[in-house]
Amino acid sequence: MEDSQRIVWIDWLRVAACFMVMVVHSTEPFYLGGEGSLIASRSDLLWAAFFDSFVRSCVPLFLIASSFLQFPIHYSAGEFFRRRAVRILVPFAIWSVFYAFYWGEPCSNLRDLLFNFNYAAGHLWFVYMLCGLYLIMPLLSPWAEKVGRKELSVYIGIWLFTTLIPLIRDWLDGGALSVTFGPSGLPRQALYPLWGEASWNSNGAFYYVSGLIGYMLLGLWFRKFGTGISRGRSILTGIAGFLAGFAITFGGFVRRALASAGGVFPVEGRVDMAIRWETTWQYESLGVALMTIGVVLMMKNIRSDGRFYRAVVKPLSEAGYGIYLAHMAALSAYSRLFIQLIPCTPLAIMVTATASFVTVSVVAVMVRRIPVAGKWIMG
């Protein structure tokens, strides 16, 4: 994209989302461990809840940025997929192979890549989800071209209702994992079935209008109608939305973790315990949706495109996909080091995230400048 075509606030948004992802992963060791779930103290609980809740909108922000720039598509589906394959799939394949050798047993990891990502490099789930959204963009683009503000707002409203579903399930089942079902027949423990769902059917009434597709619709809304909101109103509404969302995400995690602990720390259990703690951290839940909307409403007012933007923000935004792919290689090492060296939980989290961000950003920008191969590696 030429400089004259760049959308400055999207670049700032991407860079912020990259750092936020690193804060999320720097926080994980303070509530994941042991058999899968482990919080050593009440202090670790509060700090983990604070940091992870505060930046939980990171993945949705990437989706909104991508949708804002790509949706609706303005060329053929074939051309769209060709461009996305070069930009997304080639670097993804390279880094998938890298992580296959970086963690675990390479032969087994390489074989498993035929079917899924290497679970040790869990952040790669994002690429599969992104490809799924890209697959339906050409299908929805004719509608997206013509949709009006009212109609689009209605669909976003329906989607926002579906972000209540994790909370409704939690309330109805009283915290028990009651049935087993999953998308496409995947067996998994799940919470209370709703509106057509059953042990033999996961495709309930809201299945096709729920999930992360809502952020694609939000990106479209901000692209088509977001310019009509005044700066002051946008900032105030953004702050209010963010704080409301943060209260839901933070409060929900703390309440569930304290209930598991029963006032006694450390609290430890299988990974499904942590999954329950994370109920309000789900990307398709209400708190995260409100925080995401709040961040976008605030950041879309950024107009700073001076020297710092050109020298730092723009190159980092261009390398953002590569930064995301590569960051776990550095962050895992930094996390082990700083958890041992720094006894203060919030400081350990922020030092790990910052060191990882700086290291990987420098490497990604430098590698991306290598002719041809650089963009194949870093996107």
Protein backbone atom coordinates (compact mmCIF):
# COMPACT_ATOMS: atom_id res chain seq x y z
CA MET A 1 0.00 0.00 0.00
CA GLU A 2 1.40 3.42 -0.99
CA ASP A 3 1.93 6.00 1.77
CA SER A 4 -0.80 8.20 0.29
CA GLN A 5 -3.27 5.32 0.67
CA ARG A 6 -2.34 4.33 4.19
CA ILE A 7 -4.85 4.69 6.98
CA VAL A 8 -2.77 6.00 9.85
CA TRP A 9 -4.92 4.87 12.74
CA ILE A 10 -5.04 1.31 11.39
CA ASP A 11 -1.23 1.21 11.51
CA TRP A 12 -1.26 2.39 15.12
CA LEU A 13 -3.98 -0.17 15.89
CA ARG A 14 -1.96 -3.05 14.44
CA VAL A 15 1.15 -2.14 16.39
CA ALA A 16 -0.85 -1.80 19.62
CA ALA A 17 -2.48 -5.20 18.98
CA CYS A 18 0.94 -6.82 18.46
CA PHE A 19 2.14 -5.59 21.85
CA MET A 20 -1.14 -6.57 23.49
CA VAL A 21 -0.77 -10.14 22.24
CA MET A 22 2.62 -10.31 23.93
CA VAL A 23 1.14 -9.10 27.20
CA VAL A 24 -1.49 -11.86 26.97
CA HIS A 25 1.15 -14.55 26.48
CA SER A 26 3.43 -13.07 29.14
CA THR A 27 0.55 -13.36 31.62
CA GLU A 28 -0.27 -17.01 30.92
CA PRO A 29 2.42 -18.57 33.17
CA PHE A 30 0.74 -16.95 36.17
CA TYR A 31 -2.49 -18.93 35.81
CA LEU A 32 -1.51 -21.87 33.57
CA GLY A 33 0.78 -24.59 34.91
CA GLY A 34 0.88 -27.80 36.90
CA GLU A 35 -1.75 -30.13 35.43
CA GLY A 36 -3.00 -27.26 33.28
CA SER A 37 -4.28 -24.64 35.73
CA LEU A 38 -2.24 -23.08 38.51
CA ILE A 39 -2.48 -19.77 40.37
CA ALA A 40 0.15 -19.49 43.08
CA SER A 41 -1.37 -16.67 45.14
CA ARG A 42 -4.20 -14.18 45.38
CA SER A 43 -1.78 -11.50 44.18
CA ASP A 44 -0.95 -13.51 41.04
CA LEU A 45 -4.67 -13.97 40.44
CA LEU A 46 -5.38 -10.25 40.55
CA TRP A 47 -2.40 -9.28 38.40
CA ALA A 48 -3.09 -11.99 35.82
CA ALA A 49 -6.74 -10.97 35.68
CA PHE A 50 -5.83 -7.29 35.34
CA PHE A 51 -3.24 -7.60 32.58
CA ASP A 52 -4.96 -10.24 30.48
CA SER A 53 -8.35 -8.56 30.77
CA PHE A 54 -6.90 -5.16 29.88
CA VAL A 55 -5.44 -6.38 26.57
CA ARG A 56 -7.95 -9.10 25.72
CA SER A 57 -9.20 -7.23 22.66
CA CYS A 58 -5.91 -7.87 20.81
CA VAL A 59 -7.11 -10.60 18.43
CA PRO A 60 -10.42 -8.85 17.59
CA LEU A 61 -8.43 -5.70 16.79
CA PHE A 62 -6.44 -7.62 14.17
CA LEU A 63 -9.70 -8.84 12.65
CA ILE A 64 -11.23 -5.37 12.54
CA ALA A 65 -8.08 -3.98 10.89
CA SER A 66 -8.11 -6.77 8.29
CA SER A 67 -11.81 -6.35 7.60
CA PHE A 68 -11.49 -2.56 7.38
CA LEU A 69 -8.83 -2.91 4.69
CA GLN A 70 -10.05 -6.01 2.82
CA PHE A 71 -13.84 -6.19 3.10
CA PRO A 72 -15.70 -5.95 0.81
CA ILE A 73 -13.18 -7.17 -1.74
CA HIS A 74 -12.92 -5.15 -4.94
CA TYR A 75 -11.48 -7.77 -7.30
CA SER A 76 -12.22 -11.36 -8.25
CA ALA A 77 -12.31 -14.10 -5.64
CA GLY A 78 -9.44 -15.84 -7.43
CA GLU A 79 -7.24 -12.74 -7.25
CA PHE A 80 -8.20 -12.17 -3.63
CA PHE A 81 -7.23 -15.72 -2.65
CA ARG A 82 -3.98 -15.52 -4.62
CA ARG A 83 -2.95 -12.34 -2.83
CA ARG A 84 -3.94 -13.66 0.58
CA ALA A 85 -2.13 -16.97 -0.02
CA VAL A 86 1.15 -15.19 -0.76
CA ARG A 87 0.71 -12.79 2.14
CA ILE A 88 -0.64 -15.25 4.74
CA LEU A 89 -0.04 -18.90 3.87
CA VAL A 90 3.60 -18.82 2.74
CA PRO A 91 4.92 -17.19 5.96
CA PHE A 92 2.58 -19.41 7.97
CA ALA A 93 4.01 -22.55 6.37
CA ILE A 94 7.57 -21.39 7.03
CA TRP A 95 6.91 -20.63 10.69
CA SER A 96 4.89 -23.83 11.20
CA VAL A 97 7.93 -25.82 10.08
CA PHE A 98 10.19 -23.67 12.26
CA TYR A 99 8.11 -24.39 15.37
CA ALA A 100 7.99 -28.08 14.49
CA PHE A 101 11.75 -28.16 15.03
CA TYR A 102 11.81 -25.55 17.81
CA TRP A 103 9.53 -27.49 20.19
CA GLY A 104 8.97 -31.21 20.61
CA GLU A 105 9.80 -34.09 18.29
CA PRO A 106 10.23 -32.82 14.69
CA CYS A 107 9.04 -35.91 12.80
CA SER A 108 5.85 -36.19 14.83
CA ASN A 109 5.27 -32.44 14.63
CA LEU A 110 5.74 -32.35 10.85
CA ARG A 111 3.30 -35.25 10.40
CA ASP A 112 0.72 -33.55 12.61
CA LEU A 113 0.97 -30.34 10.57
CA LEU A 114 -1.04 -32.09 7.87
CA PHE A 115 -4.03 -31.89 10.20
CA ASN A 116 -3.52 -28.99 12.60
CA PHE A 117 -1.03 -26.54 14.06
CA ASN A 118 1.64 -27.53 16.54
CA TYR A 119 -0.06 -27.10 19.92
CA ALA A 120 3.21 -25.92 21.48
CA ALA A 121 2.91 -22.95 19.11
CA GLY A 122 -0.67 -22.36 20.14
CA HIS A 123 -0.83 -18.82 18.75
CA LEU A 124 -0.96 -20.25 15.22
CA TRP A 125 -4.64 -21.08 15.73
CA PHE A 126 -5.27 -17.49 14.66
CA VAL A 127 -4.17 -18.14 11.07
CA TYR A 128 -6.65 -20.97 10.57
CA MET A 129 -9.47 -18.79 11.89
CA LEU A 130 -8.37 -15.87 9.69
CA CYS A 131 -8.36 -18.11 6.61
CA GLY A 132 -11.89 -19.21 7.48
CA LEU A 133 -13.05 -15.59 7.49
CA TYR A 134 -11.24 -14.94 4.21
CA LEU A 135 -13.09 -17.87 2.63
CA ILE A 136 -16.46 -16.20 3.18
CA MET A 137 -15.43 -12.63 2.34
CA PRO A 138 -16.04 -13.05 -1.43
CA LEU A 139 -19.41 -14.65 -0.66
CA LEU A 140 -20.54 -11.71 1.49
CA SER A 141 -18.87 -8.91 -0.47
CA PRO A 142 -21.80 -8.17 -2.85
CA TRP A 143 -24.05 -7.71 0.20
CA ALA A 144 -21.38 -5.67 2.01
CA GLU A 145 -21.15 -3.28 -0.96
CA LYS A 146 -24.85 -2.46 -0.80
CA VAL A 147 -25.75 -2.82 2.87
CA GLY A 148 -27.06 0.29 4.57
CA ARG A 149 -26.27 1.57 8.03
CA LYS A 150 -29.54 0.38 9.59
CA GLU A 151 -29.38 -3.13 8.14
CA LEU A 152 -25.74 -3.62 9.09
CA SER A 153 -26.44 -2.31 12.59
CA VAL A 154 -29.25 -4.87 13.00
CA TYR A 155 -26.91 -7.75 12.14
CA ILE A 156 -24.25 -6.40 14.47
CA GLY A 157 -26.92 -6.12 17.17
CA ILE A 158 -27.86 -9.78 16.66
CA TRP A 159 -24.19 -10.71 16.90
CA LEU A 160 -23.77 -8.66 20.07
CA PHE A 161 -26.65 -10.64 21.57
CA THR A 162 -24.74 -13.85 20.83
CA THR A 163 -21.81 -12.52 22.88
CA LEU A 164 -24.07 -13.01 25.90
CA ILE A 165 -24.28 -16.74 25.24
CA PRO A 166 -21.17 -17.71 27.27
CA LEU A 167 -22.64 -15.83 30.23
CA ILE A 168 -26.12 -17.33 29.73
CA ARG A 169 -24.66 -20.85 29.62
CA ASP A 170 -22.67 -20.13 32.76
CA TRP A 171 -25.77 -18.92 34.58
CA LEU A 172 -28.04 -21.77 33.46
CA ASP A 173 -25.76 -24.67 34.26
CA GLY A 174 -24.52 -23.30 37.57
CA GLY A 175 -20.92 -23.96 36.54
CA ALA A 176 -21.24 -27.65 35.69
CA LEU A 177 -20.00 -29.03 32.37
CA SER A 178 -23.24 -30.70 31.42
CA VAL A 179 -23.16 -32.04 27.86
CA THR A 180 -20.72 -33.04 25.15
CA PHE A 181 -20.89 -31.61 21.64
CA GLY A 182 -18.88 -29.38 19.38
CA PRO A 183 -18.65 -27.73 15.96
CA SER A 184 -18.60 -30.22 13.07
CA GLY A 185 -19.04 -33.10 15.48
CA LEU A 186 -15.87 -32.42 17.45
CA PRO A 187 -16.46 -33.92 20.90
CA ARG A 188 -15.72 -31.62 23.78
CA GLN A 189 -17.14 -30.74 27.13
CA ALA A 190 -19.45 -27.79 26.73
CA LEU A 191 -21.82 -25.73 28.78
CA TYR A 192 -25.60 -25.63 28.72
CA PRO A 193 -27.09 -26.19 25.21
CA LEU A 194 -29.24 -23.34 23.87
CA TRP A 195 -31.81 -22.73 21.10
CA GLY A 196 -31.61 -25.90 19.06
CA GLU A 197 -28.28 -27.22 20.31
CA ALA A 198 -28.10 -30.76 21.65
CA SER A 199 -25.55 -33.51 22.12
CA TRP A 200 -26.07 -34.42 18.45
CA ASN A 201 -26.33 -30.88 17.07
CA SER A 202 -24.10 -27.86 17.64
CA ASN A 203 -25.69 -25.79 14.85
CA GLY A 204 -28.22 -23.87 16.91
CA ALA A 205 -30.23 -20.83 15.89
CA PHE A 206 -27.34 -18.37 16.34
CA TYR A 207 -24.52 -20.60 15.10
CA TYR A 208 -24.11 -18.81 11.77
CA VAL A 209 -24.29 -15.26 13.15
CA SER A 210 -22.03 -15.78 16.15
CA GLY A 211 -18.31 -16.14 16.72
CA LEU A 212 -15.57 -13.96 15.34
CA ILE A 213 -17.44 -13.06 12.14
CA GLY A 214 -18.93 -10.20 14.16
CA TYR A 215 -15.60 -8.41 14.13
CA MET A 216 -15.56 -8.63 10.35
CA LEU A 217 -18.94 -6.88 10.37
CA LEU A 218 -17.63 -4.27 12.83
CA GLY A 219 -14.67 -3.57 10.54
CA LEU A 220 -17.13 -3.04 7.69
CA TRP A 221 -19.26 -0.74 9.86
CA PHE A 222 -16.31 1.44 10.82
CA ARG A 223 -15.21 1.59 7.21
CA LYS A 224 -18.61 2.64 5.83
CA PHE A 225 -20.14 4.62 8.68
CA GLY A 226 -17.48 5.30 11.30
CA THR A 227 -16.49 8.70 9.98
CA GLY A 228 -19.79 10.25 11.00
CA ILE A 229 -19.00 10.20 14.73
CA SER A 230 -17.48 13.33 16.24
CA ARG A 231 -14.06 13.08 17.88
CA GLY A 232 -15.32 13.94 21.37
CA ARG A 233 -18.26 11.57 21.24
CA SER A 234 -16.07 8.81 19.82
CA ILE A 235 -13.50 9.11 22.61
CA LEU A 236 -16.05 9.33 25.43
CA THR A 237 -18.10 6.42 24.08
CA GLY A 238 -14.91 4.44 23.57
CA ILE A 239 -13.76 4.97 27.14
CA ALA A 240 -17.18 4.00 28.49
CA GLY A 241 -17.34 0.86 26.35
CA PHE A 242 -13.82 -0.17 27.28
CA LEU A 243 -14.40 0.27 31.01
CA ALA A 244 -17.69 -1.64 30.88
CA GLY A 245 -16.05 -4.47 28.97
CA PHE A 246 -13.07 -4.53 31.31
CA ALA A 247 -15.35 -4.80 34.34
CA ILE A 248 -17.00 -7.88 32.79
CA THR A 249 -13.77 -9.61 31.75
CA PHE A 250 -11.81 -8.82 34.92
CA GLY A 251 -14.67 -9.45 37.33
CA GLY A 252 -15.69 -12.70 35.69
CA PHE A 253 -12.20 -14.19 35.78
CA VAL A 254 -11.59 -13.18 39.40
CA ARG A 255 -14.97 -14.48 40.57
CA ARG A 256 -14.51 -17.89 38.97
CA ALA A 257 -10.90 -18.29 40.10
CA LEU A 258 -11.77 -17.32 43.68
CA ALA A 259 -14.62 -19.83 43.65
CA SER A 260 -12.19 -22.55 42.56
CA ALA A 261 -9.68 -21.56 45.23
CA GLY A 262 -12.22 -21.43 48.05
CA GLY A 263 -9.97 -18.83 49.67
CA VAL A 264 -6.93 -21.16 49.67
CA PHE A 265 -3.91 -20.69 47.40
CA PRO A 266 -2.26 -22.10 45.41
CA VAL A 267 -5.23 -23.34 43.39
CA GLU A 268 -4.47 -26.04 40.84
CA GLY A 269 -6.34 -28.38 38.53
CA ARG A 270 -6.75 -29.65 35.00
CA VAL A 271 -6.77 -27.26 32.06
CA ASP A 272 -10.58 -27.25 31.95
CA MET A 273 -10.48 -25.31 35.22
CA ALA A 274 -8.59 -22.48 33.47
CA ILE A 275 -10.99 -22.68 30.54
CA ARG A 276 -13.82 -22.02 32.96
CA TRP A 277 -11.94 -19.10 34.52
CA GLU A 278 -11.58 -17.67 31.00
CA THR A 279 -15.33 -17.63 30.29
CA THR A 280 -15.46 -13.83 30.12
CA TRP A 281 -12.16 -13.73 28.22
CA GLN A 282 -13.58 -15.52 25.18
CA TYR A 283 -13.16 -13.35 22.10
CA GLU A 284 -16.83 -13.83 21.21
CA SER A 285 -18.06 -12.76 24.65
CA LEU A 286 -19.68 -9.46 25.58
CA GLY A 287 -16.87 -7.94 27.65
CA VAL A 288 -14.25 -8.45 24.97
CA ALA A 289 -16.60 -7.14 22.28
CA LEU A 290 -17.26 -3.94 24.27
CA MET A 291 -13.55 -3.42 24.94
CA THR A 292 -12.76 -3.93 21.24
CA ILE A 293 -15.36 -1.42 20.12
CA GLY A 294 -14.09 1.00 22.77
CA VAL A 295 -10.47 0.71 21.61
CA VAL A 296 -11.41 1.26 17.97
CA LEU A 297 -13.58 4.28 18.81
CA MET A 298 -10.65 5.84 20.67
CA MET A 299 -7.87 4.91 18.26
CA LYS A 300 -9.67 5.90 15.06
CA ASN A 301 -9.08 9.51 16.08
CA ILE A 302 -5.30 9.14 15.82
CA ARG A 303 -3.90 11.41 13.12
CA SER A 304 -0.23 11.33 14.10
CA ASP A 305 1.74 10.62 10.91
CA GLY A 306 4.98 12.45 11.63
CA ARG A 307 8.56 11.26 11.88
CA PHE A 308 7.93 8.65 14.59
CA TYR A 309 5.04 7.22 12.60
CA ARG A 310 7.09 6.96 9.41
CA ALA A 311 10.23 5.62 11.10
CA VAL A 312 8.69 3.25 13.66
CA VAL A 313 4.92 2.70 13.50
CA LYS A 314 4.55 2.19 9.75
CA PRO A 315 7.40 -0.38 9.43
CA LEU A 316 6.11 -2.25 12.48
CA SER A 317 2.58 -2.30 11.09
CA GLU A 318 3.84 -3.63 7.76
CA ALA A 319 5.74 -6.37 9.60
CA GLY A 320 2.89 -7.01 12.05
CA TYR A 321 1.94 -10.42 10.70
CA GLY A 322 5.53 -11.60 10.89
CA ILE A 323 5.84 -10.21 14.41
CA TYR A 324 2.80 -12.23 15.42
CA LEU A 325 4.09 -15.44 13.85
CA ALA A 326 7.59 -15.13 15.31
CA HIS A 327 6.96 -13.72 18.77
CA MET A 328 6.49 -16.96 20.72
CA ALA A 329 10.01 -18.12 19.92
CA ALA A 330 11.43 -15.15 21.84
CA LEU A 331 8.68 -14.73 24.40
CA SER A 332 8.87 -18.30 25.73
CA ALA A 333 12.59 -17.87 26.43
CA TYR A 334 12.20 -14.41 27.97
CA SER A 335 9.31 -15.60 30.12
CA ARG A 336 11.33 -18.41 31.70
CA LEU A 337 14.22 -16.03 32.32
CA PHE A 338 12.33 -13.11 33.82
CA ILE A 339 10.00 -15.18 35.99
CA GLN A 340 13.12 -16.50 37.71
CA LEU A 341 14.90 -13.15 37.90
CA ILE A 342 11.98 -10.86 38.79
CA PRO A 343 9.87 -11.82 41.83
CA CYS A 344 7.36 -9.01 41.20
CA THR A 345 4.54 -10.41 39.04
CA PRO A 346 3.43 -7.21 37.23
CA LEU A 347 7.02 -6.24 36.51
CA ALA A 348 7.86 -9.72 35.21
CA ILE A 349 4.86 -9.59 32.87
CA MET A 350 5.67 -6.18 31.45
CA VAL A 351 9.42 -6.79 31.11
CA THR A 352 8.74 -10.08 29.30
CA ALA A 353 6.23 -8.46 26.94
CA THR A 354 8.40 -5.42 26.25
CA ALA A 355 11.62 -7.38 25.68
CA SER A 356 9.78 -9.77 23.37
CA PHE A 357 8.14 -6.95 21.44
CA VAL A 358 11.36 -5.02 20.91
CA THR A 359 13.41 -8.08 19.96
CA VAL A 360 10.93 -9.58 17.54
CA SER A 361 9.99 -6.20 16.03
CA VAL A 362 13.60 -5.37 15.18
CA VAL A 363 14.18 -8.82 13.68
CA ALA A 364 10.91 -8.80 11.71
CA VAL A 365 11.51 -5.35 10.20
CA MET A 366 15.09 -6.23 9.25
CA VAL A 367 14.19 -9.62 7.74
CA ARG A 368 11.28 -8.11 5.82
CA ARG A 369 13.71 -5.78 4.03
CA ILE A 370 15.48 -8.75 2.42
CA PRO A 371 14.45 -8.71 -1.26
CA VAL A 372 11.69 -11.25 -2.08
CA ALA A 373 12.53 -13.74 0.68
CA GLY A 374 11.87 -11.19 3.44
CA LYS A 375 8.18 -10.89 2.65
CA TRP A 376 7.86 -14.63 2.20
CA ILE A 377 9.17 -15.09 5.73
CA MET A 378 7.45 -12.19 7.48
CA GLY A 379 4.47 -11.53 5.26
